[in-house]
Every structure is written in structure tokens, then in C-alpha cells.
Amino acid sequence: LLFPRQFHLVGWLLFIPAAIVGMLLYFSFCNFHG
């Protein structure tokens, strides 16, 4: 039930930017409101 091999690259392309933005939010380098 595994995804095709191409999903591996898609996963990294989703994970890395989201993790970077998440760290910026977590350490309060970016603040959004509302």
C-alpha cells in the first residue's frame, strides 16, 4: 500500500518549506494576526 516513488520528492518539497515556516513561527521570527 505504498505510494509510487515520485511521492518521495513531493513529500520533501512539502515538508521542507513547511518545516522552515513552522520554525520561523515557533521561534517568533514571523508574526501573523487574524
Full PDB file with SEQRES, HELIX, SHEET, SSBOND, CRYST1, ORIGX, SCALE, CONECT and MASTER records, all heavy atoms in Angstrom:
SEQRES   1 A   34  LEU LEU PHE PRO ARG GLN PHE HIS LEU VAL GLY TRP LEU          
SEQRES   2 A   34  LEU PHE ILE PRO ALA ALA ILE VAL GLY MET LEU LEU TYR          
SEQRES   3 A   34  PHE SER PHE CYS ASN PHE HIS GLY                              
HELIX    1 AA1 GLN A    6  TYR A   26  1                                  21    
CRYST1    1.000    1.000    1.000  90.00  90.00  90.00 P 1           1          
ORIGX1      1.000000  0.000000  0.000000        0.00000                         
ORIGX2      0.000000  1.000000  0.000000        0.00000                         
ORIGX3      0.000000  0.000000  1.000000        0.00000                         
SCALE1      1.000000  0.000000  0.000000        0.00000                         
SCALE2      0.000000  1.000000  0.000000        0.00000                         
SCALE3      0.000000  0.000000  1.000000        0.00000                         
ATOM      1  N   LEU A   1       0.809  -1.217   0.000  1.00  0.00           N  
ATOM      2  CA  LEU A   1       0.000   0.000   0.000  1.00  0.00           C  
ATOM      3  C   LEU A   1       0.845   1.271   0.000  1.00  0.00           C  
ATOM      4  O   LEU A   1       0.404   2.309   0.460  1.00  0.00           O  
ATOM      5  CB  LEU A   1      -0.933  -0.009   1.214  1.00  0.00           C  
ATOM      6  CG  LEU A   1      -1.910  -1.175   1.275  1.00  0.00           C  
ATOM      7  CD1 LEU A   1      -2.672  -1.164   2.591  1.00  0.00           C  
ATOM      8  CD2 LEU A   1      -2.870  -1.137   0.114  1.00  0.00           C  
ATOM      9  N   LEU A   2       2.056   1.182  -0.523  1.00  0.00           N  
ATOM     10  CA  LEU A   2       2.941   2.344  -0.547  1.00  0.00           C  
ATOM     11  C   LEU A   2       2.637   3.218  -1.757  1.00  0.00           C  
ATOM     12  O   LEU A   2       2.161   2.751  -2.782  1.00  0.00           O  
ATOM     13  CB  LEU A   2       4.403   1.888  -0.602  1.00  0.00           C  
ATOM     14  CG  LEU A   2       4.899   1.110   0.611  1.00  0.00           C  
ATOM     15  CD1 LEU A   2       6.306   0.600   0.350  1.00  0.00           C  
ATOM     16  CD2 LEU A   2       4.854   1.957   1.858  1.00  0.00           C  
ATOM     17  N   PHE A   3       2.942   4.512  -1.610  1.00  0.00           N  
ATOM     18  CA  PHE A   3       2.798   5.449  -2.721  1.00  0.00           C  
ATOM     19  C   PHE A   3       3.897   5.183  -3.750  1.00  0.00           C  
ATOM     20  O   PHE A   3       4.946   4.636  -3.427  1.00  0.00           O  
ATOM     21  CB  PHE A   3       2.926   6.897  -2.234  1.00  0.00           C  
ATOM     22  CG  PHE A   3       1.812   7.342  -1.337  1.00  0.00           C  
ATOM     23  CD1 PHE A   3       2.069   7.725  -0.027  1.00  0.00           C  
ATOM     24  CD2 PHE A   3       0.510   7.397  -1.790  1.00  0.00           C  
ATOM     25  CE1 PHE A   3       1.057   8.143   0.804  1.00  0.00           C  
ATOM     26  CE2 PHE A   3      -0.517   7.817  -0.973  1.00  0.00           C  
ATOM     27  CZ  PHE A   3      -0.242   8.189   0.334  1.00  0.00           C  
ATOM     28  N   PRO A   4       3.701   5.617  -5.003  1.00  0.00           N  
ATOM     29  CA  PRO A   4       4.772   5.498  -6.005  1.00  0.00           C  
ATOM     30  C   PRO A   4       6.009   6.308  -5.593  1.00  0.00           C  
ATOM     31  O   PRO A   4       5.940   7.212  -4.769  1.00  0.00           O  
ATOM     32  CB  PRO A   4       4.150   6.083  -7.277  1.00  0.00           C  
ATOM     33  CG  PRO A   4       2.686   5.999  -7.071  1.00  0.00           C  
ATOM     34  CD  PRO A   4       2.460   6.116  -5.587  1.00  0.00           C  
ATOM     35  N   ARG A   5       7.137   5.986  -6.180  1.00  0.00           N  
ATOM     36  CA  ARG A   5       8.428   6.602  -5.851  1.00  0.00           C  
ATOM     37  C   ARG A   5       8.402   8.127  -5.982  1.00  0.00           C  
ATOM     38  O   ARG A   5       9.051   8.827  -5.228  1.00  0.00           O  
ATOM     39  CB  ARG A   5       9.496   6.008  -6.778  1.00  0.00           C  
ATOM     40  CG  ARG A   5      10.839   6.680  -6.698  1.00  0.00           C  
ATOM     41  CD  ARG A   5      11.777   5.951  -5.797  1.00  0.00           C  
ATOM     42  NE  ARG A   5      13.098   6.566  -5.837  1.00  0.00           N  
ATOM     43  CZ  ARG A   5      13.615   7.198  -4.790  1.00  0.00           C  
ATOM     44  NH1 ARG A   5      12.956   7.264  -3.671  1.00  0.00           N  
ATOM     45  NH2 ARG A   5      14.812   7.727  -4.860  1.00  0.00           N  
ATOM     46  N   GLN A   6       7.638   8.664  -6.944  1.00  0.00           N  
ATOM     47  CA  GLN A   6       7.612  10.112  -7.186  1.00  0.00           C  
ATOM     48  C   GLN A   6       7.073  10.879  -5.982  1.00  0.00           C  
ATOM     49  O   GLN A   6       7.382  12.061  -5.813  1.00  0.00           O  
ATOM     50  CB  GLN A   6       6.745  10.440  -8.410  1.00  0.00           C  
ATOM     51  CG  GLN A   6       7.283   9.897  -9.713  1.00  0.00           C  
ATOM     52  CD  GLN A   6       6.955   8.422  -9.936  1.00  0.00           C  
ATOM     53  OE1 GLN A   6       6.231   7.803  -9.177  1.00  0.00           O  
ATOM     54  NE2 GLN A   6       7.529   7.866 -10.978  1.00  0.00           N  
ATOM     55  N   PHE A   7       6.297  10.245  -5.140  1.00  0.00           N  
ATOM     56  CA  PHE A   7       5.751  10.920  -3.976  1.00  0.00           C  
ATOM     57  C   PHE A   7       6.840  11.282  -2.960  1.00  0.00           C  
ATOM     58  O   PHE A   7       6.646  12.161  -2.128  1.00  0.00           O  
ATOM     59  CB  PHE A   7       4.680  10.053  -3.304  1.00  0.00           C  
ATOM     60  CG  PHE A   7       3.328  10.156  -3.941  1.00  0.00           C  
ATOM     61  CD1 PHE A   7       3.083   9.606  -5.189  1.00  0.00           C  
ATOM     62  CD2 PHE A   7       2.295  10.807  -3.298  1.00  0.00           C  
ATOM     63  CE1 PHE A   7       1.853   9.705  -5.792  1.00  0.00           C  
ATOM     64  CE2 PHE A   7       1.054  10.911  -3.887  1.00  0.00           C  
ATOM     65  CZ  PHE A   7       0.831  10.357  -5.136  1.00  0.00           C  
ATOM     66  N   HIS A   8       7.968  10.590  -3.036  1.00  0.00           N  
ATOM     67  CA  HIS A   8       9.076  10.879  -2.125  1.00  0.00           C  
ATOM     68  C   HIS A   8       9.564  12.315  -2.320  1.00  0.00           C  
ATOM     69  O   HIS A   8       9.712  13.066  -1.366  1.00  0.00           O  
ATOM     70  CB  HIS A   8      10.199   9.874  -2.383  1.00  0.00           C  
ATOM     71  CG  HIS A   8      11.253   9.855  -1.337  1.00  0.00           C  
ATOM     72  ND1 HIS A   8      11.099   9.181  -0.160  1.00  0.00           N  
ATOM     73  CD2 HIS A   8      12.467  10.445  -1.292  1.00  0.00           C  
ATOM     74  CE1 HIS A   8      12.183   9.348   0.568  1.00  0.00           C  
ATOM     75  NE2 HIS A   8      13.022  10.118  -0.095  1.00  0.00           N  
ATOM     76  N   LEU A   9       9.781  12.706  -3.579  1.00  0.00           N  
ATOM     77  CA  LEU A   9      10.212  14.071  -3.887  1.00  0.00           C  
ATOM     78  C   LEU A   9       9.133  15.083  -3.517  1.00  0.00           C  
ATOM     79  O   LEU A   9       9.430  16.131  -2.936  1.00  0.00           O  
ATOM     80  CB  LEU A   9      10.569  14.192  -5.373  1.00  0.00           C  
ATOM     81  CG  LEU A   9      10.968  15.583  -5.845  1.00  0.00           C  
ATOM     82  CD1 LEU A   9      12.226  16.061  -5.119  1.00  0.00           C  
ATOM     83  CD2 LEU A   9      11.172  15.598  -7.344  1.00  0.00           C  
ATOM     84  N   VAL A  10       7.879  14.766  -3.833  1.00  0.00           N  
ATOM     85  CA  VAL A  10       6.768  15.653  -3.475  1.00  0.00           C  
ATOM     86  C   VAL A  10       6.725  15.849  -1.957  1.00  0.00           C  
ATOM     87  O   VAL A  10       6.503  16.962  -1.465  1.00  0.00           O  
ATOM     88  CB  VAL A  10       5.420  15.094  -4.001  1.00  0.00           C  
ATOM     89  CG1 VAL A  10       4.253  15.906  -3.496  1.00  0.00           C  
ATOM     90  CG2 VAL A  10       5.430  15.038  -5.519  1.00  0.00           C  
ATOM     91  N   GLY A  11       6.958  14.766  -1.223  1.00  0.00           N  
ATOM     92  CA  GLY A  11       6.972  14.857   0.238  1.00  0.00           C  
ATOM     93  C   GLY A  11       8.024  15.822   0.740  1.00  0.00           C  
ATOM     94  O   GLY A  11       7.762  16.660   1.616  1.00  0.00           O  
ATOM     95  N   TRP A  12       9.246  15.719   0.189  1.00  0.00           N  
ATOM     96  CA  TRP A  12      10.299  16.641   0.619  1.00  0.00           C  
ATOM     97  C   TRP A  12       9.984  18.081   0.222  1.00  0.00           C  
ATOM     98  O   TRP A  12      10.291  19.012   0.968  1.00  0.00           O  
ATOM     99  CB  TRP A  12      11.663  16.212   0.045  1.00  0.00           C  
ATOM    100  CG  TRP A  12      12.246  15.052   0.790  1.00  0.00           C  
ATOM    101  CD1 TRP A  12      12.408  13.789   0.329  1.00  0.00           C  
ATOM    102  CD2 TRP A  12      12.722  15.044   2.141  1.00  0.00           C  
ATOM    103  NE1 TRP A  12      12.954  12.998   1.312  1.00  0.00           N  
ATOM    104  CE2 TRP A  12      13.162  13.740   2.433  1.00  0.00           C  
ATOM    105  CE3 TRP A  12      12.812  16.005   3.134  1.00  0.00           C  
ATOM    106  CZ2 TRP A  12      13.685  13.378   3.669  1.00  0.00           C  
ATOM    107  CZ3 TRP A  12      13.333  15.644   4.366  1.00  0.00           C  
ATOM    108  CH2 TRP A  12      13.759  14.349   4.627  1.00  0.00           C  
ATOM    109  N   LEU A  13       9.366  18.253  -0.950  1.00  0.00           N  
ATOM    110  CA  LEU A  13       9.005  19.609  -1.400  1.00  0.00           C  
ATOM    111  C   LEU A  13       7.900  20.221  -0.543  1.00  0.00           C  
ATOM    112  O   LEU A  13       7.796  21.446  -0.442  1.00  0.00           O  
ATOM    113  CB  LEU A  13       8.584  19.588  -2.870  1.00  0.00           C  
ATOM    114  CG  LEU A  13       9.698  19.295  -3.868  1.00  0.00           C  
ATOM    115  CD1 LEU A  13       9.132  19.180  -5.281  1.00  0.00           C  
ATOM    116  CD2 LEU A  13      10.793  20.345  -3.799  1.00  0.00           C  
ATOM    117  N   LEU A  14       7.079  19.405   0.077  1.00  0.00           N  
ATOM    118  CA  LEU A  14       6.073  19.905   1.016  1.00  0.00           C  
ATOM    119  C   LEU A  14       6.663  20.087   2.412  1.00  0.00           C  
ATOM    120  O   LEU A  14       6.404  21.078   3.091  1.00  0.00           O  
ATOM    121  CB  LEU A  14       4.890  18.935   1.099  1.00  0.00           C  
ATOM    122  CG  LEU A  14       3.901  18.918  -0.041  1.00  0.00           C  
ATOM    123  CD1 LEU A  14       2.952  17.749   0.115  1.00  0.00           C  
ATOM    124  CD2 LEU A  14       3.132  20.222  -0.091  1.00  0.00           C  
ATOM    125  N   PHE A  15       7.445  19.104   2.841  1.00  0.00           N  
ATOM    126  CA  PHE A  15       7.930  19.070   4.223  1.00  0.00           C  
ATOM    127  C   PHE A  15       8.922  20.190   4.527  1.00  0.00           C  
ATOM    128  O   PHE A  15       8.782  20.884   5.540  1.00  0.00           O  
ATOM    129  CB  PHE A  15       8.574  17.710   4.514  1.00  0.00           C  
ATOM    130  CG  PHE A  15       9.031  17.548   5.928  1.00  0.00           C  
ATOM    131  CD1 PHE A  15       8.137  17.165   6.905  1.00  0.00           C  
ATOM    132  CD2 PHE A  15      10.345  17.780   6.298  1.00  0.00           C  
ATOM    133  CE1 PHE A  15       8.537  17.013   8.216  1.00  0.00           C  
ATOM    134  CE2 PHE A  15      10.765  17.635   7.599  1.00  0.00           C  
ATOM    135  CZ  PHE A  15       9.859  17.250   8.570  1.00  0.00           C  
ATOM    136  N   ILE A  16       9.920  20.376   3.684  1.00  0.00           N  
ATOM    137  CA  ILE A  16      10.996  21.334   3.991  1.00  0.00           C  
ATOM    138  C   ILE A  16      10.488  22.771   4.108  1.00  0.00           C  
ATOM    139  O   ILE A  16      10.753  23.435   5.123  1.00  0.00           O  
ATOM    140  CB  ILE A  16      12.156  21.200   2.982  1.00  0.00           C  
ATOM    141  CG1 ILE A  16      12.869  19.863   3.208  1.00  0.00           C  
ATOM    142  CG2 ILE A  16      13.129  22.357   3.103  1.00  0.00           C  
ATOM    143  CD1 ILE A  16      13.932  19.542   2.196  1.00  0.00           C  
ATOM    144  N   PRO A  17       9.749  23.304   3.121  1.00  0.00           N  
ATOM    145  CA  PRO A  17       9.269  24.684   3.300  1.00  0.00           C  
ATOM    146  C   PRO A  17       8.311  24.835   4.484  1.00  0.00           C  
ATOM    147  O   PRO A  17       8.385  25.827   5.211  1.00  0.00           O  
ATOM    148  CB  PRO A  17       8.539  25.002   1.993  1.00  0.00           C  
ATOM    149  CG  PRO A  17       8.959  23.984   1.018  1.00  0.00           C  
ATOM    150  CD  PRO A  17       9.393  22.797   1.792  1.00  0.00           C  
ATOM    151  N   ALA A  18       7.437  23.833   4.672  1.00  0.00           N  
ATOM    152  CA  ALA A  18       6.504  23.908   5.800  1.00  0.00           C  
ATOM    153  C   ALA A  18       7.259  23.869   7.121  1.00  0.00           C  
ATOM    154  O   ALA A  18       6.917  24.595   8.060  1.00  0.00           O  
ATOM    155  CB  ALA A  18       5.481  22.776   5.723  1.00  0.00           C  
ATOM    156  N   ALA A  19       8.290  23.043   7.209  1.00  0.00           N  
ATOM    157  CA  ALA A  19       9.083  22.966   8.441  1.00  0.00           C  
ATOM    158  C   ALA A  19       9.840  24.273   8.693  1.00  0.00           C  
ATOM    159  O   ALA A  19       9.926  24.738   9.838  1.00  0.00           O  
ATOM    160  CB  ALA A  19      10.053  21.788   8.372  1.00  0.00           C  
ATOM    161  N   ILE A  20      10.365  24.877   7.642  1.00  0.00           N  
ATOM    162  CA  ILE A  20      11.078  26.155   7.801  1.00  0.00           C  
ATOM    163  C   ILE A  20      10.119  27.241   8.281  1.00  0.00           C  
ATOM    164  O   ILE A  20      10.423  27.974   9.237  1.00  0.00           O  
ATOM    165  CB  ILE A  20      11.769  26.554   6.483  1.00  0.00           C  
ATOM    166  CG1 ILE A  20      12.928  25.609   6.194  1.00  0.00           C  
ATOM    167  CG2 ILE A  20      12.257  28.003   6.541  1.00  0.00           C  
ATOM    168  CD1 ILE A  20      13.542  25.773   4.823  1.00  0.00           C  
ATOM    169  N   VAL A  21       8.963  27.356   7.637  1.00  0.00           N  
ATOM    170  CA  VAL A  21       7.977  28.356   8.070  1.00  0.00           C  
ATOM    171  C   VAL A  21       7.504  28.043   9.485  1.00  0.00           C  
ATOM    172  O   VAL A  21       7.345  28.954  10.313  1.00  0.00           O  
ATOM    173  CB  VAL A  21       6.779  28.414   7.088  1.00  0.00           C  
ATOM    174  CG1 VAL A  21       5.676  29.298   7.625  1.00  0.00           C  
ATOM    175  CG2 VAL A  21       7.238  28.914   5.730  1.00  0.00           C  
ATOM    176  N   GLY A  22       7.319  26.757   9.790  1.00  0.00           N  
ATOM    177  CA  GLY A  22       6.912  26.368  11.138  1.00  0.00           C  
ATOM    178  C   GLY A  22       7.938  26.774  12.187  1.00  0.00           C  
ATOM    179  O   GLY A  22       7.583  27.256  13.263  1.00  0.00           O  
ATOM    180  N   MET A  23       9.230  26.592  11.875  1.00  0.00           N  
ATOM    181  CA  MET A  23      10.277  27.001  12.816  1.00  0.00           C  
ATOM    182  C   MET A  23      10.306  28.520  12.975  1.00  0.00           C  
ATOM    183  O   MET A  23      10.511  29.027  14.081  1.00  0.00           O  
ATOM    184  CB  MET A  23      11.638  26.479  12.369  1.00  0.00           C  
ATOM    185  CG  MET A  23      11.837  25.009  12.646  1.00  0.00           C  
ATOM    186  SD  MET A  23      13.507  24.465  12.361  1.00  0.00           S  
ATOM    187  CE  MET A  23      13.425  24.022  10.646  1.00  0.00           C  
ATOM    188  N   LEU A  24      10.119  29.234  11.869  1.00  0.00           N  
ATOM    189  CA  LEU A  24      10.071  30.702  11.957  1.00  0.00           C  
ATOM    190  C   LEU A  24       8.912  31.150  12.841  1.00  0.00           C  
ATOM    191  O   LEU A  24       9.062  32.080  13.643  1.00  0.00           O  
ATOM    192  CB  LEU A  24       9.954  31.319  10.568  1.00  0.00           C  
ATOM    193  CG  LEU A  24      11.173  31.178   9.655  1.00  0.00           C  
ATOM    194  CD1 LEU A  24      10.854  31.697   8.257  1.00  0.00           C  
ATOM    195  CD2 LEU A  24      12.373  31.900  10.248  1.00  0.00           C  
ATOM    196  N   LEU A  25       7.775  30.496  12.703  1.00  0.00           N  
ATOM    197  CA  LEU A  25       6.624  30.821  13.551  1.00  0.00           C  
ATOM    198  C   LEU A  25       6.877  30.416  15.000  1.00  0.00           C  
ATOM    199  O   LEU A  25       6.554  31.155  15.933  1.00  0.00           O  
ATOM    200  CB  LEU A  25       5.366  30.122  13.046  1.00  0.00           C  
ATOM    201  CG  LEU A  25       4.790  30.611  11.730  1.00  0.00           C  
ATOM    202  CD1 LEU A  25       3.671  29.688  11.276  1.00  0.00           C  
ATOM    203  CD2 LEU A  25       4.286  32.036  11.868  1.00  0.00           C  
ATOM    204  N   TYR A  26       7.449  29.251  15.185  1.00  0.00           N  
ATOM    205  CA  TYR A  26       7.683  28.717  16.530  1.00  0.00           C  
ATOM    206  C   TYR A  26       8.627  29.615  17.329  1.00  0.00           C  
ATOM    207  O   TYR A  26       8.414  29.856  18.510  1.00  0.00           O  
ATOM    208  CB  TYR A  26       8.244  27.301  16.431  1.00  0.00           C  
ATOM    209  CG  TYR A  26       8.451  26.615  17.755  1.00  0.00           C  
ATOM    210  CD1 TYR A  26       7.382  26.089  18.454  1.00  0.00           C  
ATOM    211  CD2 TYR A  26       9.724  26.501  18.299  1.00  0.00           C  
ATOM    212  CE1 TYR A  26       7.561  25.456  19.666  1.00  0.00           C  
ATOM    213  CE2 TYR A  26       9.922  25.869  19.506  1.00  0.00           C  
ATOM    214  CZ  TYR A  26       8.832  25.342  20.189  1.00  0.00           C  
ATOM    215  OH  TYR A  26       9.028  24.713  21.397  1.00  0.00           O  
ATOM    216  N   PHE A  27       9.682  30.088  16.657  1.00  0.00           N  
ATOM    217  CA  PHE A  27      10.646  30.932  17.345  1.00  0.00           C  
ATOM    218  C   PHE A  27      10.322  32.415  17.207  1.00  0.00           C  
ATOM    219  O   PHE A  27      11.164  33.270  17.473  1.00  0.00           O  
ATOM    220  CB  PHE A  27      12.062  30.638  16.839  1.00  0.00           C  
ATOM    221  CG  PHE A  27      12.534  29.264  17.211  1.00  0.00           C  
ATOM    222  CD1 PHE A  27      12.723  28.293  16.233  1.00  0.00           C  
ATOM    223  CD2 PHE A  27      12.764  28.919  18.523  1.00  0.00           C  
ATOM    224  CE1 PHE A  27      13.149  27.025  16.556  1.00  0.00           C  
ATOM    225  CE2 PHE A  27      13.190  27.653  18.874  1.00  0.00           C  
ATOM    226  CZ  PHE A  27      13.381  26.702  17.885  1.00  0.00           C  
ATOM    227  N   SER A  28       9.121  32.740  16.772  1.00  0.00           N  
ATOM    228  CA  SER A  28       8.581  34.104  16.701  1.00  0.00           C  
ATOM    229  C   SER A  28       9.371  35.043  15.803  1.00  0.00           C  
ATOM    230  O   SER A  28       9.473  36.235  16.067  1.00  0.00           O  
ATOM    231  CB  SER A  28       8.458  34.697  18.108  1.00  0.00           C  
ATOM    232  OG  SER A  28       7.599  33.928  18.884  1.00  0.00           O  
ATOM    233  N   PHE A  29       9.951  34.506  14.726  1.00  0.00           N  
ATOM    234  CA  PHE A  29      10.606  35.371  13.756  1.00  0.00           C  
ATOM    235  C   PHE A  29       9.584  35.987  12.806  1.00  0.00           C  
ATOM    236  O   PHE A  29       9.865  36.988  12.158  1.00  0.00           O  
ATOM    237  CB  PHE A  29      11.669  34.603  12.958  1.00  0.00           C  
ATOM    238  CG  PHE A  29      12.847  34.198  13.799  1.00  0.00           C  
ATOM    239  CD1 PHE A  29      13.192  32.867  13.933  1.00  0.00           C  
ATOM    240  CD2 PHE A  29      13.620  35.142  14.448  1.00  0.00           C  
ATOM    241  CE1 PHE A  29      14.282  32.490  14.703  1.00  0.00           C  
ATOM    242  CE2 PHE A  29      14.710  34.782  15.214  1.00  0.00           C  
ATOM    243  CZ  PHE A  29      15.042  33.448  15.341  1.00  0.00           C  
ATOM    244  N   CYS A  30       8.424  35.348  12.692  1.00  0.00           N  
ATOM    245  CA  CYS A  30       7.326  35.865  11.860  1.00  0.00           C  
ATOM    246  C   CYS A  30       6.075  35.926  12.728  1.00  0.00           C  
ATOM    247  O   CYS A  30       5.798  35.007  13.484  1.00  0.00           O  
ATOM    248  CB  CYS A  30       7.050  34.948  10.677  1.00  0.00           C  
ATOM    249  SG  CYS A  30       8.386  34.834   9.514  1.00  0.00           S  
ATOM    250  N   ASN A  31       5.365  37.011  12.622  1.00  0.00           N  
ATOM    251  CA  ASN A  31       4.103  37.133  13.358  1.00  0.00           C  
ATOM    252  C   ASN A  31       2.986  37.485  12.389  1.00  0.00           C  
ATOM    253  O   ASN A  31       3.116  38.415  11.594  1.00  0.00           O  
ATOM    254  CB  ASN A  31       4.200  38.215  14.441  1.00  0.00           C  
ATOM    255  CG  ASN A  31       5.098  37.791  15.575  1.00  0.00           C  
ATOM    256  OD1 ASN A  31       5.131  36.628  15.946  1.00  0.00           O  
ATOM    257  ND2 ASN A  31       5.843  38.737  16.126  1.00  0.00           N  
ATOM    258  N   PHE A  32       1.923  36.724  12.466  1.00  0.00           N  
ATOM    259  CA  PHE A  32       0.734  36.995  11.673  1.00  0.00           C  
ATOM    260  C   PHE A  32      -0.416  37.220  12.633  1.00  0.00           C  
ATOM    261  O   PHE A  32      -0.376  36.777  13.779  1.00  0.00           O  
ATOM    262  CB  PHE A  32       0.421  35.815  10.741  1.00  0.00           C  
ATOM    263  CG  PHE A  32       1.494  35.546   9.733  1.00  0.00           C  
ATOM    264  CD1 PHE A  32       2.383  34.493   9.900  1.00  0.00           C  
ATOM    265  CD2 PHE A  32       1.616  36.327   8.606  1.00  0.00           C  
ATOM    266  CE1 PHE A  32       3.368  34.236   8.973  1.00  0.00           C  
ATOM    267  CE2 PHE A  32       2.601  36.088   7.660  1.00  0.00           C  
ATOM    268  CZ  PHE A  32       3.480  35.039   7.848  1.00  0.00           C  
ATOM    269  N   HIS A  33      -1.447  37.879  12.166  1.00  0.00           N  
ATOM    270  CA  HIS A  33      -2.591  38.160  13.020  1.00  0.00           C  
ATOM    271  C   HIS A  33      -3.879  37.844  12.280  1.00  0.00           C  
ATOM    272  O   HIS A  33      -3.963  37.948  11.056  1.00  0.00           O  
ATOM    273  CB  HIS A  33      -2.586  39.630  13.467  1.00  0.00           C  
ATOM    274  CG  HIS A  33      -1.334  40.012  14.189  1.00  0.00           C  
ATOM    275  ND1 HIS A  33      -1.054  39.593  15.467  1.00  0.00           N  
ATOM    276  CD2 HIS A  33      -0.265  40.756  13.796  1.00  0.00           C  
ATOM    277  CE1 HIS A  33       0.124  40.071  15.842  1.00  0.00           C  
ATOM    278  NE2 HIS A  33       0.627  40.783  14.837  1.00  0.00           N  
ATOM    279  N   GLY A  34      -4.875  37.464  13.045  1.00  0.00           N  
ATOM    280  CA  GLY A  34      -6.209  37.239  12.492  1.00  0.00           C  
ATOM    281  C   GLY A  34      -6.296  36.003  11.618  1.00  0.00           C  
ATOM    282  O   GLY A  34      -5.717  34.959  11.911  1.00  0.00           O  
TER     283      GLY A  34                                                      
MASTER        0    0    0    1    0    0    0    6  282    1    0    3          
END                                                                             
